[in-house]
């Protein structure tokens, strides 16, 4: 698993460097998407599906909005006949997508089967939650006492994503 995470982290670094040095804005946006989806795979490999779900939702919404803004910002497309470098970039993108897809399938295969979970941490929550939290509702006790900062972080990420979408897509009044 450590090898897979190192390879994905390397691909994320390559994607980030490409995004910084890309001459085309759309290519830079897609490279940022590679970094975000690589993080989703890392979360899945580390058995954190809750963080992976939040990351994939935020990354997908952000990527769609940024691609829409980039495509809408220019009135006319300048068609340039691709040279050898363009084909190399497309080939590199296909290879990187295939590698990320392979590791995504590998990460999903390493998760516990649906409906069954490993009890390495759950048994601690179940056995001592009422005494430690004072809450009769086990879910409320775990979410707000044991995982309070995690829940606050996830809520902050979702609220920030919604505010970003509202800010970008707000409609200006007619003049």
N, C-alpha and C. Protein backbone atom coordinates (compact mmCIF):
# COMPACT_ATOMS: atom_id res chain seq x y z
N UNK A 1 0.83 -1.20 0.00
CA UNK A 1 0.00 0.00 0.00
C UNK A 1 0.87 1.26 0.00
N UNK A 2 1.98 1.22 0.72
CA UNK A 2 2.86 2.39 0.76
C UNK A 2 3.43 2.69 -0.62
N UNK A 3 3.73 1.64 -1.37
CA UNK A 3 4.25 1.84 -2.72
C UNK A 3 3.22 2.52 -3.60
N UNK A 4 1.97 2.09 -3.50
CA UNK A 4 0.90 2.69 -4.30
C UNK A 4 0.71 4.15 -3.93
N UNK A 5 0.75 4.46 -2.65
CA UNK A 5 0.59 5.86 -2.21
C UNK A 5 1.76 6.71 -2.70
N UNK A 6 2.97 6.15 -2.68
CA UNK A 6 4.13 6.90 -3.19
C UNK A 6 4.01 7.16 -4.68
N UNK A 7 3.54 6.18 -5.44
CA UNK A 7 3.37 6.38 -6.88
C UNK A 7 2.30 7.43 -7.15
N UNK A 8 1.19 7.35 -6.44
CA UNK A 8 0.11 8.32 -6.64
C UNK A 8 0.57 9.72 -6.21
N UNK A 9 1.32 9.80 -5.11
CA UNK A 9 1.84 11.10 -4.69
C UNK A 9 2.79 11.66 -5.74
N UNK A 10 3.59 10.81 -6.36
CA UNK A 10 4.46 11.27 -7.44
C UNK A 10 3.67 11.79 -8.63
N UNK A 11 2.59 11.08 -8.99
CA UNK A 11 1.73 11.55 -10.08
C UNK A 11 1.05 12.87 -9.72
N UNK A 12 0.67 13.02 -8.46
CA UNK A 12 0.06 14.28 -8.02
C UNK A 12 1.06 15.43 -8.12
N UNK A 13 2.30 15.17 -7.76
CA UNK A 13 3.33 16.21 -7.86
C UNK A 13 3.57 16.58 -9.32
N UNK A 14 3.62 15.56 -10.19
CA UNK A 14 3.79 15.84 -11.63
C UNK A 14 2.61 16.65 -12.15
N UNK A 15 1.39 16.29 -11.74
CA UNK A 15 0.21 17.04 -12.16
C UNK A 15 0.23 18.48 -11.67
N UNK A 16 0.69 18.69 -10.43
CA UNK A 16 0.77 20.04 -9.89
C UNK A 16 1.82 20.87 -10.63
N UNK A 17 2.96 20.25 -10.91
CA UNK A 17 4.00 20.97 -11.66
C UNK A 17 3.54 21.30 -13.08
N UNK A 18 2.82 20.37 -13.70
CA UNK A 18 2.30 20.64 -15.03
C UNK A 18 1.28 21.78 -14.99
N UNK A 19 0.45 21.81 -13.95
CA UNK A 19 -0.55 22.88 -13.82
C UNK A 19 0.12 24.24 -13.69
N UNK A 20 1.25 24.28 -13.01
CA UNK A 20 1.96 25.55 -12.84
C UNK A 20 2.57 26.03 -14.16
N UNK A 21 3.10 25.10 -14.95
CA UNK A 21 3.84 25.47 -16.15
C UNK A 21 3.03 25.33 -17.44
N UNK A 22 1.74 25.00 -17.36
CA UNK A 22 0.93 24.80 -18.56
C UNK A 22 0.70 26.12 -19.28
N UNK A 23 0.77 26.09 -20.59
CA UNK A 23 0.53 27.29 -21.38
C UNK A 23 -0.96 27.48 -21.64
N UNK A 24 -1.72 26.41 -21.58
CA UNK A 24 -3.16 26.44 -21.81
C UNK A 24 -3.88 26.37 -20.47
N UNK A 25 -4.84 27.27 -20.26
CA UNK A 25 -5.54 27.32 -18.97
C UNK A 25 -6.39 26.08 -18.74
N UNK A 26 -7.01 25.55 -19.78
CA UNK A 26 -7.83 24.35 -19.63
C UNK A 26 -6.97 23.16 -19.22
N UNK A 27 -5.78 23.04 -19.78
CA UNK A 27 -4.87 21.96 -19.39
C UNK A 27 -4.46 22.09 -17.93
N UNK A 28 -4.25 23.32 -17.47
CA UNK A 28 -3.89 23.54 -16.07
C UNK A 28 -5.04 23.14 -15.15
N UNK A 29 -6.27 23.44 -15.54
CA UNK A 29 -7.43 23.07 -14.73
C UNK A 29 -7.55 21.55 -14.65
N UNK A 30 -7.37 20.88 -15.76
CA UNK A 30 -7.47 19.42 -15.77
C UNK A 30 -6.33 18.80 -14.95
N UNK A 31 -5.15 19.39 -15.00
CA UNK A 31 -4.04 18.89 -14.18
C UNK A 31 -4.34 19.05 -12.69
N UNK A 32 -5.01 20.14 -12.33
CA UNK A 32 -5.44 20.30 -10.93
C UNK A 32 -6.45 19.23 -10.54
N UNK A 33 -7.30 18.86 -11.49
CA UNK A 33 -8.25 17.77 -11.24
C UNK A 33 -7.55 16.45 -11.01
N UNK A 34 -6.45 16.21 -11.72
CA UNK A 34 -5.67 14.99 -11.50
C UNK A 34 -5.13 14.95 -10.08
N UNK A 35 -4.69 16.09 -9.59
CA UNK A 35 -4.18 16.16 -8.22
C UNK A 35 -5.30 15.84 -7.23
N UNK A 36 -6.48 16.41 -7.44
CA UNK A 36 -7.60 16.17 -6.53
C UNK A 36 -8.08 14.74 -6.54
N UNK A 37 -8.18 14.14 -7.73
CA UNK A 37 -8.63 12.75 -7.80
C UNK A 37 -7.55 11.79 -7.30
N UNK A 38 -6.30 12.16 -7.42
CA UNK A 38 -5.24 11.37 -6.80
C UNK A 38 -5.37 11.35 -5.29
N UNK A 39 -5.78 12.49 -4.72
CA UNK A 39 -6.01 12.55 -3.28
C UNK A 39 -7.18 11.65 -2.87
N UNK A 40 -8.20 11.56 -3.72
CA UNK A 40 -9.31 10.65 -3.45
C UNK A 40 -8.82 9.22 -3.35
N UNK A 41 -7.94 8.82 -4.28
CA UNK A 41 -7.41 7.46 -4.27
C UNK A 41 -6.56 7.24 -3.02
N UNK A 42 -5.79 8.24 -2.62
CA UNK A 42 -5.00 8.11 -1.38
C UNK A 42 -5.90 7.93 -0.17
N UNK A 43 -7.00 8.68 -0.11
CA UNK A 43 -7.94 8.51 1.00
C UNK A 43 -8.53 7.11 1.01
N UNK A 44 -8.84 6.57 -0.17
CA UNK A 44 -9.39 5.21 -0.23
C UNK A 44 -8.36 4.18 0.20
N UNK A 45 -7.10 4.36 -0.21
CA UNK A 45 -6.05 3.43 0.21
C UNK A 45 -5.83 3.47 1.71
N UNK A 46 -6.01 4.64 2.31
CA UNK A 46 -5.82 4.78 3.75
C UNK A 46 -7.09 4.45 4.53
N UNK A 47 -8.09 3.90 3.82
CA UNK A 47 -9.37 3.46 4.40
C UNK A 47 -10.10 4.60 5.10
N UNK A 48 -10.21 5.72 4.39
CA UNK A 48 -10.98 6.87 4.87
C UNK A 48 -12.02 7.22 3.81
N UNK A 49 -13.05 6.36 3.64
CA UNK A 49 -14.02 6.61 2.57
C UNK A 49 -14.86 7.86 2.81
N UNK A 50 -15.04 8.28 4.06
CA UNK A 50 -15.81 9.50 4.31
C UNK A 50 -15.09 10.72 3.75
N UNK A 51 -13.79 10.78 3.94
CA UNK A 51 -13.01 11.89 3.37
C UNK A 51 -12.95 11.79 1.85
N UNK A 52 -12.89 10.56 1.33
CA UNK A 52 -12.86 10.38 -0.12
C UNK A 52 -14.15 10.87 -0.76
N UNK A 53 -15.28 10.61 -0.11
CA UNK A 53 -16.56 11.06 -0.65
C UNK A 53 -16.62 12.58 -0.68
N UNK A 54 -16.22 13.22 0.41
CA UNK A 54 -16.23 14.68 0.45
C UNK A 54 -15.29 15.25 -0.61
N UNK A 55 -14.10 14.67 -0.73
CA UNK A 55 -13.12 15.16 -1.70
C UNK A 55 -13.61 14.98 -3.13
N UNK A 56 -14.22 13.85 -3.43
CA UNK A 56 -14.66 13.62 -4.81
C UNK A 56 -15.82 14.54 -5.18
N UNK A 57 -16.70 14.83 -4.21
CA UNK A 57 -17.80 15.75 -4.49
C UNK A 57 -17.26 17.16 -4.72
N UNK A 58 -16.41 17.63 -3.83
CA UNK A 58 -15.86 18.97 -3.96
C UNK A 58 -15.01 19.08 -5.22
N UNK A 59 -14.19 18.07 -5.50
CA UNK A 59 -13.32 18.11 -6.68
C UNK A 59 -14.13 18.10 -7.97
N UNK A 60 -15.18 17.30 -8.03
CA UNK A 60 -16.00 17.24 -9.24
C UNK A 60 -16.72 18.55 -9.47
N UNK A 61 -17.32 19.10 -8.43
CA UNK A 61 -18.03 20.38 -8.57
C UNK A 61 -17.05 21.48 -8.98
N UNK A 62 -15.91 21.52 -8.32
CA UNK A 62 -14.92 22.55 -8.64
C UNK A 62 -14.41 22.41 -10.06
N UNK A 63 -14.12 21.18 -10.48
CA UNK A 63 -13.61 20.96 -11.82
C UNK A 63 -14.64 21.34 -12.88
N UNK A 64 -15.90 20.99 -12.67
CA UNK A 64 -16.95 21.35 -13.62
C UNK A 64 -17.08 22.86 -13.73
N UNK A 65 -17.08 23.54 -12.60
CA UNK A 65 -17.24 24.99 -12.62
C UNK A 65 -16.04 25.65 -13.28
N UNK A 66 -14.83 25.19 -12.95
CA UNK A 66 -13.64 25.82 -13.54
C UNK A 66 -13.56 25.57 -15.04
N UNK A 67 -13.92 24.38 -15.50
CA UNK A 67 -13.92 24.12 -16.94
C UNK A 67 -14.97 24.97 -17.63
N UNK A 68 -16.15 25.11 -17.01
CA UNK A 68 -17.20 25.95 -17.60
C UNK A 68 -16.76 27.40 -17.69
N UNK A 69 -16.10 27.89 -16.65
CA UNK A 69 -15.63 29.28 -16.66
C UNK A 69 -14.55 29.47 -17.73
N UNK A 70 -13.62 28.52 -17.84
CA UNK A 70 -12.56 28.65 -18.84
C UNK A 70 -13.15 28.61 -20.26
N UNK A 71 -14.08 27.71 -20.49
CA UNK A 71 -14.68 27.61 -21.82
C UNK A 71 -15.57 28.80 -22.14
N UNK A 72 -16.19 29.39 -21.12
CA UNK A 72 -17.08 30.52 -21.34
C UNK A 72 -16.32 31.84 -21.43
N UNK A 73 -15.12 31.88 -20.89
CA UNK A 73 -14.39 33.15 -20.83
C UNK A 73 -13.84 33.60 -22.18
N UNK A 74 -13.62 32.69 -23.10
CA UNK A 74 -13.11 33.10 -24.41
C UNK A 74 -14.24 32.99 -25.43
N UNK A 75 -14.38 34.03 -26.25
CA UNK A 75 -15.47 34.06 -27.22
C UNK A 75 -15.19 33.20 -28.43
N UNK A 76 -13.95 33.06 -28.81
CA UNK A 76 -13.63 32.27 -29.98
C UNK A 76 -12.47 31.34 -29.67
N UNK A 77 -12.54 30.19 -30.26
CA UNK A 77 -11.50 29.19 -30.07
C UNK A 77 -10.46 29.35 -31.17
N UNK A 78 -9.23 29.34 -30.81
CA UNK A 78 -8.15 29.39 -31.79
C UNK A 78 -7.71 27.96 -32.04
N UNK A 79 -7.96 27.48 -33.24
CA UNK A 79 -7.57 26.11 -33.57
C UNK A 79 -6.13 26.11 -34.05
N UNK A 80 -5.34 25.32 -33.39
CA UNK A 80 -3.95 25.17 -33.78
C UNK A 80 -3.74 23.70 -34.09
N UNK A 81 -3.16 23.45 -35.24
CA UNK A 81 -2.90 22.06 -35.62
C UNK A 81 -1.87 21.49 -34.65
N UNK A 82 -2.23 20.37 -34.00
CA UNK A 82 -1.30 19.81 -33.02
C UNK A 82 0.00 19.34 -33.67
N UNK A 83 1.08 19.65 -32.99
CA UNK A 83 2.37 19.17 -33.46
C UNK A 83 2.73 17.92 -32.66
N UNK A 84 3.94 17.49 -32.75
CA UNK A 84 4.38 16.29 -32.04
C UNK A 84 4.25 16.42 -30.53
N UNK A 85 4.44 17.63 -30.00
CA UNK A 85 4.34 17.83 -28.56
C UNK A 85 2.90 17.66 -28.08
N UNK A 86 1.95 18.06 -28.90
CA UNK A 86 0.55 17.90 -28.53
C UNK A 86 0.16 16.44 -28.40
N UNK A 87 0.64 15.61 -29.32
CA UNK A 87 0.36 14.19 -29.25
C UNK A 87 1.05 13.55 -28.06
N UNK A 88 2.24 14.02 -27.73
CA UNK A 88 2.94 13.50 -26.56
C UNK A 88 2.20 13.85 -25.28
N UNK A 89 1.66 15.06 -25.21
CA UNK A 89 0.90 15.48 -24.04
C UNK A 89 -0.37 14.65 -23.90
N UNK A 90 -1.04 14.40 -25.02
CA UNK A 90 -2.24 13.57 -24.97
C UNK A 90 -1.91 12.15 -24.56
N UNK A 91 -0.81 11.61 -25.06
CA UNK A 91 -0.40 10.26 -24.69
C UNK A 91 -0.05 10.20 -23.21
N UNK A 92 0.64 11.22 -22.71
CA UNK A 92 0.98 11.26 -21.28
C UNK A 92 -0.28 11.35 -20.43
N UNK A 93 -1.27 12.13 -20.89
CA UNK A 93 -2.53 12.24 -20.15
C UNK A 93 -3.27 10.91 -20.11
N UNK A 94 -3.27 10.19 -21.23
CA UNK A 94 -3.93 8.89 -21.28
C UNK A 94 -3.23 7.90 -20.36
N UNK A 95 -1.91 7.90 -20.38
CA UNK A 95 -1.15 6.98 -19.52
C UNK A 95 -1.40 7.32 -18.04
N UNK A 96 -1.38 8.61 -17.70
CA UNK A 96 -1.61 9.01 -16.31
C UNK A 96 -3.02 8.65 -15.86
N UNK A 97 -3.99 8.82 -16.74
CA UNK A 97 -5.37 8.45 -16.42
C UNK A 97 -5.48 6.95 -16.20
N UNK A 98 -4.82 6.15 -17.04
CA UNK A 98 -4.85 4.70 -16.89
C UNK A 98 -4.20 4.26 -15.58
N UNK A 99 -3.09 4.89 -15.21
CA UNK A 99 -2.42 4.54 -13.96
C UNK A 99 -3.30 4.90 -12.76
N UNK A 100 -3.91 6.10 -12.79
CA UNK A 100 -4.79 6.50 -11.70
C UNK A 100 -6.02 5.59 -11.63
N UNK A 101 -6.56 5.19 -12.77
CA UNK A 101 -7.70 4.27 -12.78
C UNK A 101 -7.32 2.92 -12.20
N UNK A 102 -6.12 2.43 -12.54
CA UNK A 102 -5.64 1.16 -11.98
C UNK A 102 -5.56 1.24 -10.46
N UNK A 103 -4.97 2.31 -9.94
CA UNK A 103 -4.84 2.43 -8.49
C UNK A 103 -6.19 2.68 -7.83
N UNK A 104 -7.12 3.32 -8.52
CA UNK A 104 -8.46 3.50 -7.98
C UNK A 104 -9.15 2.15 -7.82
N UNK A 105 -9.04 1.30 -8.84
CA UNK A 105 -9.63 -0.04 -8.76
C UNK A 105 -8.95 -0.85 -7.67
N UNK A 106 -7.63 -0.72 -7.54
CA UNK A 106 -6.89 -1.41 -6.48
C UNK A 106 -7.34 -0.93 -5.10
N UNK A 107 -7.54 0.38 -4.94
CA UNK A 107 -7.95 0.93 -3.66
C UNK A 107 -9.36 0.50 -3.29
N UNK A 108 -10.26 0.49 -4.25
CA UNK A 108 -11.64 0.07 -3.97
C UNK A 108 -11.66 -1.41 -3.61
N UNK A 109 -10.83 -2.21 -4.24
CA UNK A 109 -10.76 -3.63 -3.93
C UNK A 109 -10.23 -3.91 -2.53
N UNK A 110 -9.47 -2.98 -1.95
CA UNK A 110 -8.91 -3.17 -0.62
C UNK A 110 -9.88 -2.76 0.49
N UNK A 111 -10.99 -2.10 0.13
CA UNK A 111 -11.96 -1.71 1.14
C UNK A 111 -12.72 -2.93 1.64
N UNK A 112 -13.29 -2.81 2.83
CA UNK A 112 -14.11 -3.89 3.37
C UNK A 112 -15.35 -4.06 2.52
N UNK A 113 -15.90 -5.28 2.42
CA UNK A 113 -17.13 -5.47 1.65
C UNK A 113 -18.26 -4.60 2.21
N UNK A 114 -19.17 -4.20 1.31
CA UNK A 114 -20.26 -3.32 1.72
C UNK A 114 -21.11 -3.99 2.79
N UNK A 115 -21.36 -3.29 3.86
CA UNK A 115 -22.18 -3.79 4.95
C UNK A 115 -21.38 -4.40 6.08
N UNK A 116 -20.12 -4.70 5.86
CA UNK A 116 -19.30 -5.22 6.95
C UNK A 116 -18.13 -4.28 7.16
N UNK A 117 -17.81 -4.05 8.37
CA UNK A 117 -16.71 -3.14 8.66
C UNK A 117 -15.75 -3.78 9.63
N UNK A 118 -14.56 -3.32 9.62
CA UNK A 118 -13.60 -3.82 10.60
C UNK A 118 -13.89 -3.15 11.93
N UNK A 119 -13.77 -3.89 12.99
CA UNK A 119 -14.14 -3.40 14.32
C UNK A 119 -12.93 -2.95 15.13
N UNK A 120 -11.85 -2.55 14.47
CA UNK A 120 -10.67 -2.19 15.27
C UNK A 120 -10.93 -0.94 16.09
N UNK A 121 -11.65 0.06 15.58
CA UNK A 121 -11.97 1.26 16.36
C UNK A 121 -13.43 1.27 16.81
N UNK A 122 -14.29 0.59 16.07
CA UNK A 122 -15.72 0.62 16.40
C UNK A 122 -16.00 0.01 17.76
N UNK A 123 -15.25 -1.01 18.14
CA UNK A 123 -15.52 -1.64 19.44
C UNK A 123 -15.24 -0.67 20.59
N UNK A 124 -14.23 0.19 20.44
CA UNK A 124 -13.96 1.20 21.48
C UNK A 124 -15.10 2.20 21.58
N UNK A 125 -15.65 2.58 20.43
CA UNK A 125 -16.78 3.51 20.43
C UNK A 125 -18.01 2.88 21.05
N UNK A 126 -18.29 1.64 20.67
CA UNK A 126 -19.51 0.98 21.12
C UNK A 126 -19.47 0.69 22.61
N UNK A 127 -18.34 0.23 23.13
CA UNK A 127 -18.27 -0.19 24.53
C UNK A 127 -18.26 0.97 25.52
N UNK A 128 -17.63 2.09 25.19
CA UNK A 128 -17.50 3.13 26.19
C UNK A 128 -18.12 4.47 25.84
N UNK A 129 -18.94 4.51 24.81
CA UNK A 129 -19.44 5.80 24.34
C UNK A 129 -20.40 6.45 25.32
N UNK A 130 -21.30 5.69 25.91
CA UNK A 130 -22.30 6.29 26.80
C UNK A 130 -21.63 6.87 28.05
N UNK A 131 -20.67 6.15 28.61
CA UNK A 131 -19.99 6.64 29.80
C UNK A 131 -19.11 7.85 29.50
N UNK A 132 -18.42 7.83 28.37
CA UNK A 132 -17.48 8.90 28.05
C UNK A 132 -18.16 10.17 27.55
N UNK A 133 -19.24 10.03 26.80
CA UNK A 133 -19.88 11.21 26.21
C UNK A 133 -21.11 11.66 26.96
N UNK A 134 -21.76 10.78 27.67
CA UNK A 134 -23.00 11.13 28.35
C UNK A 134 -24.20 11.17 27.42
N UNK A 135 -24.02 10.74 26.19
CA UNK A 135 -25.09 10.74 25.20
C UNK A 135 -25.63 9.32 25.03
N UNK A 136 -26.94 9.19 25.11
CA UNK A 136 -27.55 7.87 24.92
C UNK A 136 -27.51 7.48 23.44
N UNK A 137 -27.59 8.47 22.56
CA UNK A 137 -27.53 8.22 21.13
C UNK A 137 -26.07 8.03 20.74
N UNK A 138 -25.73 6.83 20.31
CA UNK A 138 -24.33 6.50 20.00
C UNK A 138 -23.79 7.33 18.83
N UNK A 139 -24.61 7.54 17.80
CA UNK A 139 -24.15 8.29 16.64
C UNK A 139 -23.85 9.73 17.02
N UNK A 140 -24.71 10.35 17.79
CA UNK A 140 -24.49 11.72 18.23
C UNK A 140 -23.23 11.82 19.09
N UNK A 141 -23.04 10.88 19.98
CA UNK A 141 -21.85 10.90 20.83
C UNK A 141 -20.56 10.76 20.04
N UNK A 142 -20.56 9.87 19.06
CA UNK A 142 -19.35 9.67 18.26
C UNK A 142 -19.08 10.88 17.38
N UNK A 143 -20.13 11.38 16.70
CA UNK A 143 -19.94 12.48 15.76
C UNK A 143 -19.51 13.76 16.46
N UNK A 144 -20.15 14.08 17.58
CA UNK A 144 -19.88 15.38 18.21
C UNK A 144 -18.81 15.35 19.30
N UNK A 145 -18.52 14.19 19.87
CA UNK A 145 -17.50 14.14 20.91
C UNK A 145 -16.19 13.53 20.40
N UNK A 146 -16.24 12.33 19.88
CA UNK A 146 -15.03 11.67 19.44
C UNK A 146 -14.48 12.25 18.14
N UNK A 147 -15.37 12.59 17.23
CA UNK A 147 -14.94 13.05 15.91
C UNK A 147 -15.42 14.47 15.64
N UNK A 148 -15.42 15.29 16.64
CA UNK A 148 -15.94 16.65 16.50
C UNK A 148 -15.16 17.50 15.52
N UNK A 149 -13.83 17.45 15.60
CA UNK A 149 -13.02 18.27 14.69
C UNK A 149 -13.13 17.76 13.25
N UNK A 150 -13.21 16.45 13.08
CA UNK A 150 -13.38 15.89 11.75
C UNK A 150 -14.70 16.33 11.14
N UNK A 151 -15.77 16.28 11.94
CA UNK A 151 -17.08 16.71 11.46
C UNK A 151 -17.07 18.20 11.16
N UNK A 152 -16.44 18.99 11.99
CA UNK A 152 -16.34 20.43 11.74
C UNK A 152 -15.56 20.70 10.46
N UNK A 153 -14.49 19.96 10.23
CA UNK A 153 -13.70 20.14 9.00
C UNK A 153 -14.49 19.78 7.76
N UNK A 154 -15.23 18.67 7.80
CA UNK A 154 -16.04 18.27 6.65
C UNK A 154 -17.14 19.29 6.38
N UNK A 155 -17.78 19.77 7.43
CA UNK A 155 -18.83 20.78 7.24
C UNK A 155 -18.24 22.07 6.68
N UNK A 156 -17.06 22.44 7.14
CA UNK A 156 -16.41 23.65 6.62
C UNK A 156 -16.07 23.50 5.14
N UNK A 157 -15.59 22.33 4.74
CA UNK A 157 -15.28 22.09 3.33
C UNK A 157 -16.53 22.20 2.47
N UNK A 158 -17.62 21.59 2.91
CA UNK A 158 -18.85 21.63 2.13
C UNK A 158 -19.42 23.04 2.05
N UNK A 159 -19.41 23.77 3.17
CA UNK A 159 -19.92 25.15 3.16
C UNK A 159 -19.05 26.03 2.26
N UNK A 160 -17.74 25.85 2.33
CA UNK A 160 -16.84 26.64 1.47
C UNK A 160 -17.10 26.33 0.00
N UNK A 161 -17.31 25.07 -0.34
CA UNK A 161 -17.60 24.71 -1.73
C UNK A 161 -18.91 25.34 -2.20
N UNK A 162 -19.92 25.30 -1.35
CA UNK A 162 -21.21 25.91 -1.72
C UNK A 162 -21.08 27.41 -1.88
N UNK A 163 -20.36 28.07 -0.98
CA UNK A 163 -20.16 29.51 -1.10
C UNK A 163 -19.36 29.86 -2.35
N UNK A 164 -18.39 29.03 -2.71
CA UNK A 164 -17.64 29.26 -3.94
C UNK A 164 -18.51 29.13 -5.17
N UNK A 165 -19.39 28.12 -5.17
CA UNK A 165 -20.30 27.95 -6.31
C UNK A 165 -21.26 29.13 -6.40
N UNK A 166 -21.80 29.56 -5.28
CA UNK A 166 -22.72 30.70 -5.28
C UNK A 166 -22.00 31.97 -5.74
N UNK A 167 -20.77 32.16 -5.30
CA UNK A 167 -20.01 33.35 -5.69
C UNK A 167 -19.73 33.37 -7.19
N UNK A 168 -19.34 32.23 -7.74
CA UNK A 168 -19.00 32.17 -9.16
C UNK A 168 -20.25 32.27 -10.03
N UNK A 169 -21.32 31.63 -9.63
CA UNK A 169 -22.51 31.57 -10.47
C UNK A 169 -23.56 32.62 -10.16
N UNK A 170 -23.25 33.56 -9.30
CA UNK A 170 -24.27 34.55 -8.95
C UNK A 170 -24.67 35.36 -10.19
N UNK A 171 -25.89 35.71 -10.22
CA UNK A 171 -26.41 36.45 -11.37
C UNK A 171 -26.39 37.93 -11.04
N UNK A 172 -25.89 38.69 -11.95
CA UNK A 172 -25.87 40.15 -11.76
C UNK A 172 -27.21 40.70 -12.20
N UNK A 173 -27.65 41.74 -11.54
CA UNK A 173 -28.92 42.37 -11.89
C UNK A 173 -28.88 42.99 -13.27
N UNK A 174 -30.04 43.03 -13.91
CA UNK A 174 -30.11 43.63 -15.25
C UNK A 174 -30.01 45.14 -15.14
N UNK A 175 -29.26 45.71 -16.06
CA UNK A 175 -29.06 47.16 -16.03
C UNK A 175 -29.86 47.82 -17.12
